[in-house]
């Protein structure tokens, strides 16, 4: 895997959602949830939590 494609930040649980956040770069975050069946749901893939 190319180095630029690795997510190096640890996931952070979001308090007001049953979701997790990982930093993509200085501005953007990946917000996601994994349901009980193991499916990954992408909630947001840019901006910060309130954007």
PDB file of N, CA and C in Angstrom:
ATOM      1  N   UNK A   1       0.850  -1.179   0.000  1.00  0.00           N
ATOM      2  CA  UNK A   1       0.000   0.000   0.000  1.00  0.00           C
ATOM      3  C   UNK A   1       0.893   1.238   0.000  1.00  0.00           C
ATOM      4  N   UNK A   2       0.538   2.200  -0.809  1.00  0.00           N
ATOM      5  CA  UNK A   2       1.286   3.455  -0.879  1.00  0.00           C
ATOM      6  C   UNK A   2       1.152   4.198   0.445  1.00  0.00           C
ATOM      7  N   UNK A   3       2.220   4.815   0.887  1.00  0.00           N
ATOM      8  CA  UNK A   3       2.250   5.484   2.193  1.00  0.00           C
ATOM      9  C   UNK A   3       1.157   6.536   2.342  1.00  0.00           C
ATOM     10  N   UNK A   4       0.809   7.246   1.276  1.00  0.00           N
ATOM     11  CA  UNK A   4      -0.201   8.299   1.370  1.00  0.00           C
ATOM     12  C   UNK A   4      -1.602   7.746   1.578  1.00  0.00           C
ATOM     13  N   UNK A   5      -1.817   6.457   1.394  1.00  0.00           N
ATOM     14  CA  UNK A   5      -3.143   5.870   1.559  1.00  0.00           C
ATOM     15  C   UNK A   5      -3.372   5.297   2.953  1.00  0.00           C
ATOM     16  N   UNK A   6      -2.416   5.392   3.829  1.00  0.00           N
ATOM     17  CA  UNK A   6      -2.566   4.835   5.173  1.00  0.00           C
ATOM     18  C   UNK A   6      -3.212   5.849   6.103  1.00  0.00           C
ATOM     19  N   UNK A   7      -4.125   5.368   6.931  1.00  0.00           N
ATOM     20  CA  UNK A   7      -4.708   6.202   7.977  1.00  0.00           C
ATOM     21  C   UNK A   7      -3.888   5.971   9.239  1.00  0.00           C
ATOM     22  N   UNK A   8      -3.133   6.977   9.632  1.00  0.00           N
ATOM     23  CA  UNK A   8      -2.238   6.800  10.763  1.00  0.00           C
ATOM     24  C   UNK A   8      -2.863   7.241  12.077  1.00  0.00           C
ATOM     25  N   UNK A   9      -3.891   8.034  12.010  1.00  0.00           N
ATOM     26  CA  UNK A   9      -4.537   8.500  13.228  1.00  0.00           C
ATOM     27  C   UNK A   9      -5.388   7.399  13.838  1.00  0.00           C
ATOM     28  N   UNK A  10      -5.477   7.400  15.139  1.00  0.00           N
ATOM     29  CA  UNK A  10      -6.326   6.440  15.833  1.00  0.00           C
ATOM     30  C   UNK A  10      -7.779   6.890  15.706  1.00  0.00           C
ATOM     31  N   UNK A  11      -8.715   5.947  15.629  1.00  0.00           N
ATOM     32  CA  UNK A  11     -10.118   6.341  15.556  1.00  0.00           C
ATOM     33  C   UNK A  11     -10.568   6.975  16.869  1.00  0.00           C
ATOM     34  N   UNK A  12     -11.431   7.984  16.752  1.00  0.00           N
ATOM     35  CA  UNK A  12     -11.988   8.650  17.925  1.00  0.00           C
ATOM     36  C   UNK A  12     -13.486   8.412  17.939  1.00  0.00           C
ATOM     37  N   UNK A  13     -14.051   7.937  19.051  1.00  0.00           N
ATOM     38  CA  UNK A  13     -15.507   7.779  19.111  1.00  0.00           C
ATOM     39  C   UNK A  13     -16.172   9.151  19.176  1.00  0.00           C
ATOM     40  N   UNK A  14     -17.282   9.307  18.472  1.00  0.00           N
ATOM     41  CA  UNK A  14     -18.036  10.555  18.522  1.00  0.00           C
ATOM     42  C   UNK A  14     -19.100  10.431  19.607  1.00  0.00           C
ATOM     43  N   UNK A  15     -19.207  11.416  20.444  1.00  0.00           N
ATOM     44  CA  UNK A  15     -20.101  11.357  21.607  1.00  0.00           C
ATOM     45  C   UNK A  15     -21.577  11.362  21.244  1.00  0.00           C
ATOM     46  N   UNK A  16     -21.958  12.167  20.269  1.00  0.00           N
ATOM     47  CA  UNK A  16     -23.377  12.358  19.972  1.00  0.00           C
ATOM     48  C   UNK A  16     -23.896  11.435  18.881  1.00  0.00           C
ATOM     49  N   UNK A  17     -23.043  10.592  18.353  1.00  0.00           N
ATOM     50  CA  UNK A  17     -23.425   9.619  17.325  1.00  0.00           C
ATOM     51  C   UNK A  17     -22.776   8.295  17.666  1.00  0.00           C
ATOM     52  N   UNK A  18     -23.351   7.241  17.184  1.00  0.00           N
ATOM     53  CA  UNK A  18     -22.686   5.943  17.311  1.00  0.00           C
ATOM     54  C   UNK A  18     -21.779   5.795  16.101  1.00  0.00           C
ATOM     55  N   UNK A  19     -20.707   6.579  16.104  1.00  0.00           N
ATOM     56  CA  UNK A  19     -19.814   6.627  14.945  1.00  0.00           C
ATOM     57  C   UNK A  19     -18.393   6.889  15.419  1.00  0.00           C
ATOM     58  N   UNK A  20     -17.476   6.747  14.480  1.00  0.00           N
ATOM     59  CA  UNK A  20     -16.059   6.958  14.723  1.00  0.00           C
ATOM     60  C   UNK A  20     -15.527   7.980  13.734  1.00  0.00           C
ATOM     61  N   UNK A  21     -14.435   8.634  14.100  1.00  0.00           N
ATOM     62  CA  UNK A  21     -13.804   9.627  13.238  1.00  0.00           C
ATOM     63  C   UNK A  21     -12.315   9.330  13.139  1.00  0.00           C
ATOM     64  N   UNK A  22     -11.778   9.490  11.935  1.00  0.00           N
ATOM     65  CA  UNK A  22     -10.331   9.400  11.702  1.00  0.00           C
ATOM     66  C   UNK A  22      -9.914  10.598  10.871  1.00  0.00           C
ATOM     67  N   UNK A  23      -8.780  11.148  11.207  1.00  0.00           N
ATOM     68  CA  UNK A  23      -8.241  12.279  10.453  1.00  0.00           C
ATOM     69  C   UNK A  23      -7.659  11.770   9.138  1.00  0.00           C
ATOM     70  N   UNK A  24      -8.025  12.423   8.040  1.00  0.00           N
ATOM     71  CA  UNK A  24      -7.458  12.115   6.730  1.00  0.00           C
ATOM     72  C   UNK A  24      -6.247  13.010   6.483  1.00  0.00           C
ATOM     73  N   UNK A  25      -6.425  14.297   6.740  1.00  0.00           N
ATOM     74  CA  UNK A  25      -5.340  15.269   6.643  1.00  0.00           C
ATOM     75  C   UNK A  25      -5.643  16.393   7.627  1.00  0.00           C
ATOM     76  N   UNK A  26      -4.997  17.544   7.483  1.00  0.00           N
ATOM     77  CA  UNK A  26      -5.179  18.626   8.451  1.00  0.00           C
ATOM     78  C   UNK A  26      -6.595  19.169   8.502  1.00  0.00           C
ATOM     79  N   UNK A  27      -7.348  19.061   7.423  1.00  0.00           N
ATOM     80  CA  UNK A  27      -8.685  19.640   7.352  1.00  0.00           C
ATOM     81  C   UNK A  27      -9.780  18.581   7.364  1.00  0.00           C
ATOM     82  N   UNK A  28      -9.559  17.463   6.737  1.00  0.00           N
ATOM     83  CA  UNK A  28     -10.613  16.490   6.476  1.00  0.00           C
ATOM     84  C   UNK A  28     -10.610  15.314   7.438  1.00  0.00           C
ATOM     85  N   UNK A  29     -11.826  14.813   7.687  1.00  0.00           N
ATOM     86  CA  UNK A  29     -12.028  13.667   8.560  1.00  0.00           C
ATOM     87  C   UNK A  29     -12.879  12.633   7.842  1.00  0.00           C
ATOM     88  N   UNK A  30     -12.691  11.389   8.205  1.00  0.00           N
ATOM     89  CA  UNK A  30     -13.552  10.304   7.762  1.00  0.00           C
ATOM     90  C   UNK A  30     -14.409   9.931   8.960  1.00  0.00           C
ATOM     91  N   UNK A  31     -15.725  10.077   8.827  1.00  0.00           N
ATOM     92  CA  UNK A  31     -16.655   9.711   9.889  1.00  0.00           C
ATOM     93  C   UNK A  31     -17.413   8.495   9.404  1.00  0.00           C
ATOM     94  N   UNK A  32     -17.424   7.445  10.213  1.00  0.00           N
ATOM     95  CA  UNK A  32     -17.999   6.184   9.768  1.00  0.00           C
ATOM     96  C   UNK A  32     -18.599   5.413  10.931  1.00  0.00           C
ATOM     97  N   UNK A  33     -19.385   4.411  10.585  1.00  0.00           N
ATOM     98  CA  UNK A  33     -19.988   3.512  11.552  1.00  0.00           C
ATOM     99  C   UNK A  33     -19.879   2.103  10.993  1.00  0.00           C
ATOM    100  N   UNK A  34     -19.713   1.139  11.858  1.00  0.00           N
ATOM    101  CA  UNK A  34     -19.739  -0.265  11.458  1.00  0.00           C
ATOM    102  C   UNK A  34     -20.923  -0.891  12.172  1.00  0.00           C
ATOM    103  N   UNK A  35     -21.895  -1.391  11.403  1.00  0.00           N
ATOM    104  CA  UNK A  35     -23.107  -1.922  12.021  1.00  0.00           C
ATOM    105  C   UNK A  35     -22.898  -3.329  12.565  1.00  0.00           C
ATOM    106  N   UNK A  36     -23.958  -3.871  13.151  1.00  0.00           N
ATOM    107  CA  UNK A  36     -23.871  -5.178  13.812  1.00  0.00           C
ATOM    108  C   UNK A  36     -23.587  -6.322  12.844  1.00  0.00           C
ATOM    109  N   UNK A  37     -23.799  -6.097  11.545  1.00  0.00           N
ATOM    110  CA  UNK A  37     -23.500  -7.103  10.523  1.00  0.00           C
ATOM    111  C   UNK A  37     -22.103  -6.938   9.928  1.00  0.00           C
ATOM    112  N   UNK A  38     -21.364  -5.944  10.415  1.00  0.00           N
ATOM    113  CA  UNK A  38     -20.011  -5.711   9.926  1.00  0.00           C
ATOM    114  C   UNK A  38     -19.931  -4.819   8.703  1.00  0.00           C
ATOM    115  N   UNK A  39     -21.066  -4.203   8.314  1.00  0.00           N
ATOM    116  CA  UNK A  39     -21.065  -3.299   7.164  1.00  0.00           C
ATOM    117  C   UNK A  39     -20.529  -1.938   7.579  1.00  0.00           C
ATOM    118  N   UNK A  40     -19.711  -1.366   6.716  1.00  0.00           N
ATOM    119  CA  UNK A  40     -19.131  -0.050   6.943  1.00  0.00           C
ATOM    120  C   UNK A  40     -20.023   1.003   6.302  1.00  0.00           C
ATOM    121  N   UNK A  41     -20.450   1.989   7.089  1.00  0.00           N
ATOM    122  CA  UNK A  41     -21.281   3.091   6.604  1.00  0.00           C
ATOM    123  C   UNK A  41     -20.467   4.372   6.693  1.00  0.00           C
ATOM    124  N   UNK A  42     -20.207   4.992   5.534  1.00  0.00           N
ATOM    125  CA  UNK A  42     -19.480   6.261   5.496  1.00  0.00           C
ATOM    126  C   UNK A  42     -20.491   7.377   5.719  1.00  0.00           C
ATOM    127  N   UNK A  43     -20.281   8.173   6.747  1.00  0.00           N
ATOM    128  CA  UNK A  43     -21.181   9.274   7.076  1.00  0.00           C
ATOM    129  C   UNK A  43     -20.669  10.569   6.460  1.00  0.00           C
ATOM    130  N   UNK A  44     -19.373  10.787   6.549  1.00  0.00           N
ATOM    131  CA  UNK A  44     -18.769  11.996   5.998  1.00  0.00           C
ATOM    132  C   UNK A  44     -17.327  11.689   5.621  1.00  0.00           C
ATOM    133  N   UNK A  45     -16.873  12.344   4.567  1.00  0.00           N
ATOM    134  CA  UNK A  45     -15.514  12.089   4.097  1.00  0.00           C
ATOM    135  C   UNK A  45     -14.788  13.393   3.794  1.00  0.00           C
ATOM    136  N   UNK A  46     -15.176  14.468   4.456  1.00  0.00           N
ATOM    137  CA  UNK A  46     -14.516  15.753   4.265  1.00  0.00           C
ATOM    138  C   UNK A  46     -14.903  16.681   5.399  1.00  0.00           C
ATOM    139  N   UNK A  47     -14.223  17.778   5.492  1.00  0.00           N
ATOM    140  CA  UNK A  47     -14.544  18.778   6.497  1.00  0.00           C
ATOM    141  C   UNK A  47     -14.360  18.281   7.918  1.00  0.00           C
ATOM    142  N   UNK A  48     -14.845  19.068   8.835  1.00  0.00           N
ATOM    143  CA  UNK A  48     -14.783  18.711  10.246  1.00  0.00           C
ATOM    144  C   UNK A  48     -16.178  18.331  10.697  1.00  0.00           C
ATOM    145  N   UNK A  49     -16.349  17.941  11.932  1.00  0.00           N
ATOM    146  CA  UNK A  49     -17.611  17.399  12.424  1.00  0.00           C
ATOM    147  C   UNK A  49     -18.807  18.315  12.174  1.00  0.00           C
ATOM    148  N   UNK A  50     -18.630  19.618  12.383  1.00  0.00           N
ATOM    149  CA  UNK A  50     -19.750  20.547  12.254  1.00  0.00           C
ATOM    150  C   UNK A  50     -19.959  21.071  10.842  1.00  0.00           C
ATOM    151  N   UNK A  51     -19.060  20.783   9.920  1.00  0.00           N
ATOM    152  CA  UNK A  51     -19.164  21.319   8.552  1.00  0.00           C
ATOM    153  C   UNK A  51     -20.270  20.634   7.783  1.00  0.00           C
TER     154      UNK A  51
END
